[in-house]
Amino acid sequence: MTRLIDKKPEEMNPEELAQHTRIGKFRPLRRDKSYGGPYDPWIRSPELAKRMVSFGTFIR
């Protein structure tokens, strides 16, 4: 099984970058410059990231 290679912000399209910025408001970057957990894969699917972050906000 291959793992995803993290994208750098300069490699992201505008929608991915918007979600990267949104997640960065509540989740600090790790030493390897990734968010970890489910966040890095979510950024590759901006619609999923948008919905999941909103859901997390809703259940808090």
Protein backbone atom coordinates (compact mmCIF):
# COMPACT_ATOMS: atom_id res chain seq x y z
CA MET A 1 0.00 0.00 0.00
CA THR A 2 1.40 3.35 -1.03
CA ARG A 3 1.02 6.33 1.25
CA LEU A 4 0.24 9.78 -0.03
CA ILE A 5 3.14 12.17 -0.38
CA ASP A 6 2.37 15.49 1.27
CA LYS A 7 1.82 18.42 -1.05
CA LYS A 8 3.59 21.68 -0.36
CA PRO A 9 1.39 24.80 -0.44
CA GLU A 10 3.04 25.97 -3.67
CA GLU A 11 1.95 22.67 -5.31
CA MET A 12 -1.72 23.07 -4.32
CA ASN A 13 -4.48 24.45 -6.48
CA PRO A 14 -6.47 27.42 -5.11
CA GLU A 15 -9.22 25.24 -3.59
CA GLU A 16 -6.71 22.99 -1.81
CA LEU A 17 -4.77 26.00 -0.57
CA ALA A 18 -7.95 27.55 0.82
CA GLN A 19 -8.64 24.42 2.87
CA HIS A 20 -4.99 24.21 3.94
CA THR A 21 -5.26 27.76 5.26
CA ARG A 22 -8.61 27.03 6.94
CA ILE A 23 -7.25 23.96 8.75
CA GLY A 24 -4.16 25.95 9.77
CA LYS A 25 -6.36 28.25 11.83
CA PHE A 26 -7.00 25.50 14.39
CA ARG A 27 -4.36 22.82 13.74
CA PRO A 28 -0.64 23.65 14.03
CA LEU A 29 1.81 22.20 11.54
CA ARG A 30 4.01 19.35 12.74
CA ARG A 31 7.79 19.44 12.46
CA ASP A 32 7.59 17.78 9.05
CA LYS A 33 5.35 20.66 7.85
CA SER A 34 2.21 18.52 7.61
CA TYR A 35 -0.97 18.56 9.68
CA GLY A 36 -1.09 14.80 10.13
CA GLY A 37 -4.15 12.82 11.02
CA PRO A 38 -6.91 12.95 8.46
CA TYR A 39 -6.20 16.55 7.49
CA ASP A 40 -3.50 16.04 4.86
CA PRO A 41 -5.58 13.62 2.75
CA TRP A 42 -8.66 15.81 3.19
CA ILE A 43 -6.82 18.77 1.66
CA ARG A 44 -6.52 16.78 -1.58
CA SER A 45 -10.32 16.74 -1.71
CA PRO A 46 -11.30 20.33 -0.89
CA GLU A 47 -15.03 19.58 -0.78
CA LEU A 48 -14.46 16.77 1.73
CA ALA A 49 -12.16 19.00 3.81
CA LYS A 50 -14.75 21.77 3.82
CA ARG A 51 -17.54 19.45 4.95
CA MET A 52 -15.49 17.58 7.57
CA VAL A 53 -14.10 20.74 9.16
CA SER A 54 -17.62 22.18 9.29
CA PHE A 55 -18.89 18.95 10.83
CA GLY A 56 -16.12 19.05 13.46
CA THR A 57 -17.05 22.62 14.30
CA PHE A 58 -20.70 21.62 14.57
CA ILE A 59 -20.11 18.77 17.05
CA ARG A 60 -17.81 20.74 19.35
